[in-house]
Amino acid sequence: MVADCAYGDQDGFRGELAEAGLPFVMALRPRRGMWARAADVHTPVDAARALAWDGPDDPGDWRPVTRTFRDGHAETWWAAGATLGAWGPDGVRRLVVATADPATLPDKTTWYLVTNLPRPGGPREPGSPHPAAGLAEITRIYAIRNWIEQGYKQVKDELGWADFQVRSDVAIRRHQALVNCAFSFCWDTWFADHSPRHDSAAPRPEPGRGERGAGRRRTTAGAVLAADAARDTRLAFPLDRAAALVAGMVRGAPAPAAASPDQLGRGRLRPAPLHPELTNYR
C-alpha cells in the first residue's frame, strides 16, 4: 500500500492496514507532531535534521540511492532511517527520510516515509510476514506513487470531481467505469511493445472532408464493437480489447431507463438520495 501524507498522517488508517496484514509505505507531513519528551525530536523534519551529514564524502547516517526517471536520466538521492518517538530503524514502524539534499532538506524533493516493512538484517526480519526492504527499496516503492497520482489526476478531471454534479449515484458509477476502461485502453496502447496494426483496406477520409466529413460512412455501435481491425488510421490499436471491456460492462450492468421528474407521480418511489460520502453535504 502506497499513499501520500493525507493517508499516512492517519494513525487509525495505518493501524487498520496493519491489522489486515498489509505492508505499506506512506508519506508524512514534515511537521506532523508526535508526543515525546521535551529534549527529543517531535516532528519528522526534526528527526531528519538530527541525522549526521558532513557532505557526500562523509555522509554520516545517510546512504546514497539512485533514482531513475522516465526520460532515462538518473539522480543520486540520499536516504536514512530516523528515530521519532517509538519509530526507529528496528521498530514496528520505521521512519525513512529520502531527499535530494540532506543539508537543506528541500520541500519539493524530500520525503518523510513511514513503513511497517522490516529492515534487512534487523531483529524484526525473521518473524515479519513481510519481506525486508532496505532504504533504496523503500524509496523505489514510494516513487511508484507518482505514476498512480498522475493517472488518477487525469481520471478525476475527466470525471469532474471538482465540479458540482446533479446526477444519481448509479450514473456516476457507470461514468467512472467507462472512464476507467478508456484510460486502461490508452495506457495499454501506449506501453504496447509491438507496432500498431492497421487495416490496409479500411477507407481513408477523402481530401477536404476530414475524419468527420459528410462523405464518411456511418457505422452502428454493434459493428464498431465487433470489429477486429482499426477503421481509422488514427486509431493506435484494433478495437478488440476495448470491445471486450465495454461488452463485459454492458453484460454485467444492464441500464434500465430512469423515470424523469415529470413521471414521478404521487405514490411512486423516488430515486434514493446520494450517500453522504459522495457529497460535501453534512
Protein backbone atom coordinates (compact mmCIF):
# COMPACT_ATOMS: atom_id res chain seq x y z
CA MET A 1 0.00 0.00 0.00
CA VAL A 2 1.49 3.31 -1.12
CA ALA A 3 -0.12 6.62 -0.20
CA ASP A 4 0.64 10.28 0.34
CA CYS A 5 0.56 12.19 3.62
CA ALA A 6 -3.23 12.65 3.53
CA TYR A 7 -3.40 8.95 4.46
CA GLY A 8 -0.04 8.49 6.13
CA ASP A 9 -0.88 11.00 8.86
CA GLN A 10 -3.93 8.97 9.93
CA ASP A 11 -2.99 6.75 12.87
CA GLY A 12 -6.24 4.78 12.64
CA PHE A 13 -5.77 4.06 8.94
CA ARG A 14 -2.24 2.76 9.47
CA GLY A 15 -3.50 0.58 12.32
CA GLU A 16 -6.25 -0.93 10.15
CA LEU A 17 -3.74 -1.73 7.41
CA ALA A 18 -1.50 -3.45 9.93
CA GLU A 19 -4.43 -5.46 11.33
CA ALA A 20 -5.32 -6.53 7.80
CA GLY A 21 -1.76 -7.80 7.33
CA LEU A 22 -0.94 -5.32 4.56
CA PRO A 23 2.52 -3.83 4.11
CA PHE A 24 2.62 -0.09 3.49
CA VAL A 25 4.91 2.82 2.65
CA MET A 26 3.19 6.16 3.24
CA ALA A 27 4.31 9.76 3.45
CA LEU A 28 4.08 12.04 6.48
CA ARG A 29 3.83 15.79 6.67
CA PRO A 30 7.23 17.25 7.61
CA ARG A 31 5.87 18.94 10.73
CA ARG A 32 3.42 16.31 11.85
CA GLY A 33 3.71 16.47 15.63
CA MET A 34 4.22 13.50 17.92
CA TRP A 35 4.24 13.24 21.70
CA ALA A 36 7.79 12.98 23.02
CA ARG A 37 9.93 14.20 25.87
CA ALA A 38 10.93 17.83 25.74
CA ALA A 39 14.53 17.02 24.87
CA ASP A 40 13.56 14.67 21.99
CA VAL A 41 12.50 15.48 18.45
CA HIS A 42 8.78 15.95 17.82
CA THR A 43 8.38 16.05 14.03
CA PRO A 44 9.76 14.11 11.03
CA VAL A 45 11.75 17.10 9.81
CA ASP A 46 13.33 17.47 13.26
CA ALA A 47 14.26 13.77 13.17
CA ALA A 48 15.91 14.28 9.76
CA ARG A 49 17.87 17.30 10.95
CA ALA A 50 19.20 15.25 13.88
CA LEU A 51 20.95 12.84 11.47
CA ALA A 52 24.67 13.26 10.86
CA TRP A 53 25.69 14.72 7.48
CA ASP A 54 29.03 16.25 6.51
CA GLY A 55 28.73 16.13 2.74
CA PRO A 56 28.86 13.39 0.08
CA ASP A 57 32.40 12.40 1.11
CA ASP A 58 31.31 11.93 4.73
CA PRO A 59 27.57 11.15 4.59
CA GLY A 60 27.29 10.04 8.22
CA ASP A 61 23.85 8.45 8.73
CA TRP A 62 22.79 8.84 5.09
CA ARG A 63 23.16 6.32 2.27
CA PRO A 64 23.09 7.09 -1.49
CA VAL A 65 20.17 5.77 -3.52
CA THR A 66 19.81 6.04 -7.28
CA ARG A 67 16.52 7.20 -8.76
CA THR A 68 15.89 6.61 -12.48
CA PHE A 69 13.29 8.81 -14.16
CA ARG A 70 11.07 8.25 -17.16
CA ASP A 71 13.29 10.16 -19.57
CA GLY A 72 16.19 7.85 -18.66
CA HIS A 73 18.28 10.22 -16.56
CA ALA A 74 19.31 9.16 -13.06
CA GLU A 75 19.80 11.18 -9.90
CA THR A 76 21.56 10.36 -6.66
CA TRP A 77 19.37 10.91 -3.63
CA TRP A 78 20.16 10.18 -0.02
CA ALA A 79 18.11 8.09 2.41
CA ALA A 80 18.37 7.36 6.10
CA GLY A 81 16.47 5.68 8.88
CA ALA A 82 15.47 8.22 11.52
CA THR A 83 14.09 7.94 15.05
CA LEU A 84 10.89 9.67 16.14
CA GLY A 85 9.34 8.55 19.40
CA ALA A 86 8.75 4.79 19.16
CA TRP A 87 9.51 4.83 15.44
CA GLY A 88 13.02 3.73 14.59
CA PRO A 89 15.06 1.54 12.24
CA ASP A 90 14.10 -1.59 14.19
CA GLY A 91 10.68 -0.52 15.46
CA VAL A 92 7.27 -1.76 14.42
CA ARG A 93 7.11 1.45 12.39
CA ARG A 94 10.17 2.73 10.57
CA LEU A 95 10.69 6.37 9.69
CA VAL A 96 12.68 6.72 6.46
CA VAL A 97 13.77 10.07 5.03
CA ALA A 98 14.73 10.35 1.36
CA THR A 99 15.98 13.63 -0.06
CA ALA A 100 17.99 15.18 -2.85
CA ASP A 101 19.99 17.27 -0.34
CA PRO A 102 20.38 16.21 3.31
CA ALA A 103 21.94 19.56 4.16
CA THR A 104 18.89 21.68 3.29
CA LEU A 105 16.04 19.11 3.08
CA PRO A 106 14.22 20.97 0.26
CA ASP A 107 10.43 20.76 0.49
CA LYS A 108 9.89 19.62 -3.11
CA THR A 109 12.47 16.84 -3.09
CA THR A 110 12.30 15.43 0.42
CA TRP A 111 10.09 12.54 1.50
CA TYR A 112 9.28 11.56 5.08
CA LEU A 113 8.04 7.97 4.95
CA VAL A 114 6.56 5.56 7.48
CA THR A 115 6.55 1.83 6.77
CA ASN A 116 5.97 -1.47 8.53
CA LEU A 117 8.47 -3.34 6.34
CA PRO A 118 11.36 -4.67 8.45
CA ARG A 119 14.97 -3.63 7.98
CA PRO A 120 17.22 -6.23 6.29
CA GLY A 121 19.24 -7.96 8.98
CA GLY A 122 17.21 -6.36 11.75
CA PRO A 123 15.61 -8.19 14.69
CA ARG A 124 12.13 -7.97 13.18
CA GLU A 125 13.04 -9.62 9.86
CA PRO A 126 12.78 -13.32 10.93
CA GLY A 127 9.27 -13.01 12.37
CA SER A 128 7.82 -10.50 9.93
CA PRO A 129 5.14 -11.62 7.44
CA HIS A 130 6.50 -9.02 5.01
CA PRO A 131 9.79 -9.09 3.11
CA ALA A 132 12.59 -6.91 4.37
CA ALA A 133 13.24 -3.68 2.49
CA GLY A 134 16.33 -1.51 2.56
CA LEU A 135 16.47 2.24 2.16
CA ALA A 136 16.77 2.06 -1.64
CA GLU A 137 13.77 -0.27 -1.88
CA ILE A 138 11.61 1.93 0.36
CA THR A 139 12.46 4.92 -1.83
CA ARG A 140 11.68 2.97 -5.01
CA ILE A 141 8.32 1.77 -3.70
CA TYR A 142 7.15 5.24 -2.76
CA ALA A 143 8.30 6.66 -6.10
CA ILE A 144 5.71 4.43 -7.81
CA ARG A 145 3.00 6.61 -6.25
CA ASN A 146 3.87 9.44 -8.64
CA TRP A 147 2.72 7.31 -11.59
CA ILE A 148 -0.50 6.42 -9.80
CA GLU A 149 -1.16 10.04 -8.85
CA GLN A 150 -0.60 11.27 -12.40
CA GLY A 151 -3.11 8.84 -13.88
CA TYR A 152 -5.55 9.38 -11.01
CA LYS A 153 -5.47 13.15 -11.51
CA GLN A 154 -6.41 12.77 -15.17
CA VAL A 155 -9.23 10.39 -14.29
CA LYS A 156 -10.57 12.78 -11.65
CA ASP A 157 -10.51 15.67 -14.12
CA GLU A 158 -12.41 13.63 -16.69
CA LEU A 159 -14.99 12.58 -14.08
CA GLY A 160 -15.49 16.18 -12.99
CA TRP A 161 -14.89 15.56 -9.29
CA ALA A 162 -14.09 19.27 -8.82
CA ASP A 163 -17.46 20.28 -10.26
CA PHE A 164 -20.94 20.26 -8.75
CA GLN A 165 -22.87 17.37 -10.27
CA VAL A 166 -26.61 16.71 -10.15
CA ARG A 167 -26.97 13.09 -11.14
CA SER A 168 -27.62 9.78 -9.50
CA ASP A 169 -25.10 7.55 -7.80
CA VAL A 170 -25.67 4.89 -10.47
CA ALA A 171 -24.91 7.38 -13.26
CA ILE A 172 -21.66 8.46 -11.58
CA ARG A 173 -20.56 4.86 -11.10
CA ARG A 174 -21.26 3.96 -14.74
CA HIS A 175 -19.41 7.05 -15.92
CA GLN A 176 -16.46 6.08 -13.74
CA ALA A 177 -16.46 2.54 -15.19
CA LEU A 178 -16.37 3.94 -18.73
CA VAL A 179 -13.57 6.39 -17.89
CA ASN A 180 -11.53 3.63 -16.25
CA CYS A 181 -12.00 1.43 -19.33
CA ALA A 182 -10.90 4.26 -21.60
CA PHE A 183 -7.78 5.05 -19.56
CA SER A 184 -6.89 1.37 -19.25
CA PHE A 185 -7.12 1.03 -23.03
CA CYS A 186 -4.98 4.14 -23.58
CA TRP A 187 -2.27 3.01 -21.15
CA ASP A 188 -2.20 -0.46 -22.67
CA THR A 189 -1.85 1.05 -26.12
CA TRP A 190 0.90 3.42 -25.00
CA PHE A 191 3.02 0.66 -23.48
CA ALA A 192 2.39 -1.94 -26.18
CA ASP A 193 5.71 -3.44 -27.22
CA HIS A 194 4.69 -4.09 -30.82
CA SER A 195 3.84 -1.79 -33.68
CA PRO A 196 0.19 -0.80 -34.21
CA ARG A 197 -1.67 -2.81 -36.80
CA HIS A 198 -3.76 -1.09 -39.43
CA ASP A 199 -6.36 -2.33 -41.85
CA SER A 200 -4.89 -1.57 -45.25
CA ALA A 201 -8.30 -1.99 -46.84
CA ALA A 202 -10.01 0.49 -44.50
CA PRO A 203 -11.37 3.57 -46.29
CA ARG A 204 -9.46 6.78 -45.65
CA PRO A 205 -11.01 10.26 -45.31
CA GLU A 206 -11.43 11.99 -48.65
CA PRO A 207 -9.39 15.14 -49.24
CA GLY A 208 -11.01 18.25 -47.82
CA ARG A 209 -13.63 16.40 -45.80
CA GLY A 210 -11.65 15.30 -42.75
CA GLU A 211 -12.46 12.45 -40.44
CA ARG A 212 -15.90 13.83 -39.63
CA GLY A 213 -16.76 14.87 -43.19
CA ALA A 214 -20.14 14.20 -44.76
CA GLY A 215 -18.72 11.56 -47.07
CA ARG A 216 -17.77 9.22 -44.23
CA ARG A 217 -19.89 6.10 -43.97
CA ARG A 218 -21.75 5.74 -40.68
CA THR A 219 -21.49 2.52 -38.74
CA THR A 220 -23.62 1.16 -35.96
CA ALA A 221 -22.28 0.73 -32.43
CA GLY A 222 -22.53 -3.04 -32.75
CA ALA A 223 -20.44 -3.04 -35.91
CA VAL A 224 -17.74 -0.94 -34.27
CA LEU A 225 -17.59 -3.11 -31.15
CA ALA A 226 -17.46 -6.27 -33.23
CA ALA A 227 -14.70 -5.00 -35.50
CA ASP A 228 -11.36 -6.76 -35.25
CA ALA A 229 -9.28 -4.14 -37.06
CA ALA A 230 -8.93 -0.40 -36.81
CA ARG A 231 -11.38 1.50 -39.01
CA ASP A 232 -9.36 4.66 -38.94
CA THR A 233 -5.69 5.35 -39.48
CA ARG A 234 -5.50 7.43 -36.30
CA LEU A 235 -6.57 4.56 -34.06
CA ALA A 236 -3.45 3.16 -32.47
CA PHE A 237 -4.89 -0.30 -31.90
CA PRO A 238 -7.63 -2.60 -33.14
CA LEU A 239 -10.81 -2.31 -31.12
CA ASP A 240 -10.92 -5.89 -29.89
CA ARG A 241 -9.61 -5.11 -26.40
CA ALA A 242 -11.83 -2.09 -25.90
CA ALA A 243 -14.76 -4.13 -27.20
CA ALA A 244 -14.16 -6.83 -24.62
CA LEU A 245 -14.04 -4.30 -21.80
CA VAL A 246 -17.20 -2.48 -22.88
CA ALA A 247 -19.09 -5.67 -23.69
CA GLY A 248 -18.31 -7.12 -20.26
CA MET A 249 -19.53 -3.96 -18.57
CA VAL A 250 -22.73 -3.94 -20.63
CA ARG A 251 -23.45 -7.58 -19.82
CA GLY A 252 -22.84 -7.11 -16.12
CA ALA A 253 -24.76 -3.88 -15.59
CA PRO A 254 -27.89 -3.50 -17.70
CA ALA A 255 -29.18 0.04 -17.54
CA PRO A 256 -32.98 0.38 -17.37
CA ALA A 257 -34.38 3.72 -18.34
CA ALA A 258 -34.75 6.09 -15.39
CA ALA A 259 -38.01 7.94 -14.85
CA SER A 260 -37.94 11.67 -15.41
CA PRO A 261 -39.11 14.08 -12.67
CA ASP A 262 -42.42 14.56 -14.54
CA GLN A 263 -43.06 10.83 -14.46
CA LEU A 264 -42.62 10.56 -10.70
CA GLY A 265 -46.19 10.90 -9.55
CA ARG A 266 -47.72 10.56 -6.12
CA GLY A 267 -47.19 7.14 -4.63
CA ARG A 268 -44.21 6.30 -6.84
CA LEU A 269 -40.79 5.62 -5.40
CA ARG A 270 -38.33 8.46 -5.86
CA PRO A 271 -34.64 7.89 -6.58
CA ALA A 272 -32.59 7.20 -3.48
CA PRO A 273 -30.50 10.19 -2.31
CA LEU A 274 -26.77 10.18 -2.78
CA HIS A 275 -24.76 8.64 0.01
CA PRO A 276 -23.25 11.38 2.25
CA GLU A 277 -19.74 10.14 1.44
CA LEU A 278 -20.31 11.03 -2.22
CA THR A 279 -21.18 14.66 -1.49
CA ASN A 280 -19.86 17.54 0.58
CA TYR A 281 -23.18 17.84 2.37
CA ARG A 282 -23.21 17.22 6.11
